[in-house]
Amino acid sequence: MTLKRAFLHALEWRLIASTIDFVVVYTMTGKIVFSLGIAGVSNAIRTIVHAFWVKCRATKGDGS
């Protein structure tokens, strides 16, 4: 798996996860801007980590 493909795979998942993050934070705080901020930061960090994790696993031949 190329790094580009791993990154795109990560973005797909992050769209779902960011929506969940936003809904949970908004439900707890009632603040839209704060909720978007938390979801955005979480999205950026987890997308980068996930893309490199998938690439690392594919490089090692794990494949799962």
C-alpha atoms as a PDB file:
ATOM      1  CA  MET A   1       0.000   0.000   0.000  1.00  0.00           C
ATOM      2  CA  THR A   2       1.378   3.371  -0.962  1.00  0.00           C
ATOM      3  CA  LEU A   3       1.494   6.215   1.498  1.00  0.00           C
ATOM      4  CA  LYS A   4      -1.001   8.112  -0.666  1.00  0.00           C
ATOM      5  CA  ARG A   5      -3.485   5.227  -0.558  1.00  0.00           C
ATOM      6  CA  ALA A   6      -2.983   4.839   3.195  1.00  0.00           C
ATOM      7  CA  PHE A   7      -3.606   8.558   3.641  1.00  0.00           C
ATOM      8  CA  LEU A   8      -6.834   8.422   1.605  1.00  0.00           C
ATOM      9  CA  HIS A   9      -7.996   5.409   3.608  1.00  0.00           C
ATOM     10  CA  ALA A  10      -7.313   7.343   6.796  1.00  0.00           C
ATOM     11  CA  LEU A  11      -9.313  10.342   5.538  1.00  0.00           C
ATOM     12  CA  GLU A  12     -12.362   8.162   4.902  1.00  0.00           C
ATOM     13  CA  TRP A  13     -12.329   6.906   8.455  1.00  0.00           C
ATOM     14  CA  ARG A  14     -11.590  10.340   9.903  1.00  0.00           C
ATOM     15  CA  LEU A  15     -14.694  11.789   8.250  1.00  0.00           C
ATOM     16  CA  ILE A  16     -16.811   9.322  10.204  1.00  0.00           C
ATOM     17  CA  ALA A  17     -14.802   9.697  13.409  1.00  0.00           C
ATOM     18  CA  SER A  18     -14.784  13.517  13.221  1.00  0.00           C
ATOM     19  CA  THR A  19     -18.543  13.520  12.958  1.00  0.00           C
ATOM     20  CA  ILE A  20     -18.735  11.367  16.081  1.00  0.00           C
ATOM     21  CA  ASP A  21     -16.225  13.628  17.880  1.00  0.00           C
ATOM     22  CA  PHE A  22     -18.242  16.714  16.974  1.00  0.00           C
ATOM     23  CA  VAL A  23     -21.566  15.241  18.077  1.00  0.00           C
ATOM     24  CA  VAL A  24     -20.193  14.040  21.414  1.00  0.00           C
ATOM     25  CA  VAL A  25     -18.456  17.331  22.250  1.00  0.00           C
ATOM     26  CA  TYR A  26     -21.428  19.398  21.092  1.00  0.00           C
ATOM     27  CA  THR A  27     -23.785  17.260  23.178  1.00  0.00           C
ATOM     28  CA  MET A  28     -21.593  17.819  26.227  1.00  0.00           C
ATOM     29  CA  THR A  29     -20.909  21.546  25.762  1.00  0.00           C
ATOM     30  CA  GLY A  30     -23.567  22.965  23.450  1.00  0.00           C
ATOM     31  CA  LYS A  31     -20.823  25.039  21.772  1.00  0.00           C
ATOM     32  CA  ILE A  32     -20.516  24.661  18.001  1.00  0.00           C
ATOM     33  CA  VAL A  33     -17.181  26.468  17.528  1.00  0.00           C
ATOM     34  CA  PHE A  34     -15.526  24.593  20.390  1.00  0.00           C
ATOM     35  CA  SER A  35     -16.880  21.287  19.088  1.00  0.00           C
ATOM     36  CA  LEU A  36     -15.573  22.000  15.580  1.00  0.00           C
ATOM     37  CA  GLY A  37     -12.181  22.891  17.031  1.00  0.00           C
ATOM     38  CA  ILE A  38     -11.912  19.665  19.003  1.00  0.00           C
ATOM     39  CA  ALA A  39     -13.080  17.603  16.021  1.00  0.00           C
ATOM     40  CA  GLY A  40     -10.595  19.393  13.734  1.00  0.00           C
ATOM     41  CA  VAL A  41      -7.584  18.888  15.978  1.00  0.00           C
ATOM     42  CA  SER A  42      -8.539  15.275  16.627  1.00  0.00           C
ATOM     43  CA  ASN A  43      -8.987  14.726  12.901  1.00  0.00           C
ATOM     44  CA  ALA A  44      -5.598  16.143  11.949  1.00  0.00           C
ATOM     45  CA  ILE A  45      -3.649  14.189  14.556  1.00  0.00           C
ATOM     46  CA  ARG A  46      -5.400  10.880  14.023  1.00  0.00           C
ATOM     47  CA  THR A  47      -5.290  11.093  10.206  1.00  0.00           C
ATOM     48  CA  ILE A  48      -1.524  11.504  10.197  1.00  0.00           C
ATOM     49  CA  VAL A  49      -0.950   8.795  12.791  1.00  0.00           C
ATOM     50  CA  HIS A  50      -3.310   6.367  11.040  1.00  0.00           C
ATOM     51  CA  ALA A  51      -1.749   6.880   7.596  1.00  0.00           C
ATOM     52  CA  PHE A  52       1.725   6.143   8.884  1.00  0.00           C
ATOM     53  CA  TRP A  53       0.496   3.204  10.972  1.00  0.00           C
ATOM     54  CA  VAL A  54      -1.159   1.571   7.949  1.00  0.00           C
ATOM     55  CA  LYS A  55       1.949   2.195   5.847  1.00  0.00           C
ATOM     56  CA  CYS A  56       4.171   0.719   8.568  1.00  0.00           C
ATOM     57  CA  ARG A  57       2.026  -2.414   8.843  1.00  0.00           C
ATOM     58  CA  ALA A  58       1.927  -2.853   5.057  1.00  0.00           C
ATOM     59  CA  THR A  59       5.714  -2.469   4.873  1.00  0.00           C
ATOM     60  CA  LYS A  60       6.168  -5.231   7.444  1.00  0.00           C
ATOM     61  CA  GLY A  61       3.944  -7.542   5.387  1.00  0.00           C
ATOM     62  CA  ASP A  62       1.258  -7.819   8.067  1.00  0.00           C
ATOM     63  CA  GLY A  63      -1.473  -6.862   5.615  1.00  0.00           C
ATOM     64  CA  SER A  64      -4.192  -6.607   8.249  1.00  0.00           C
END
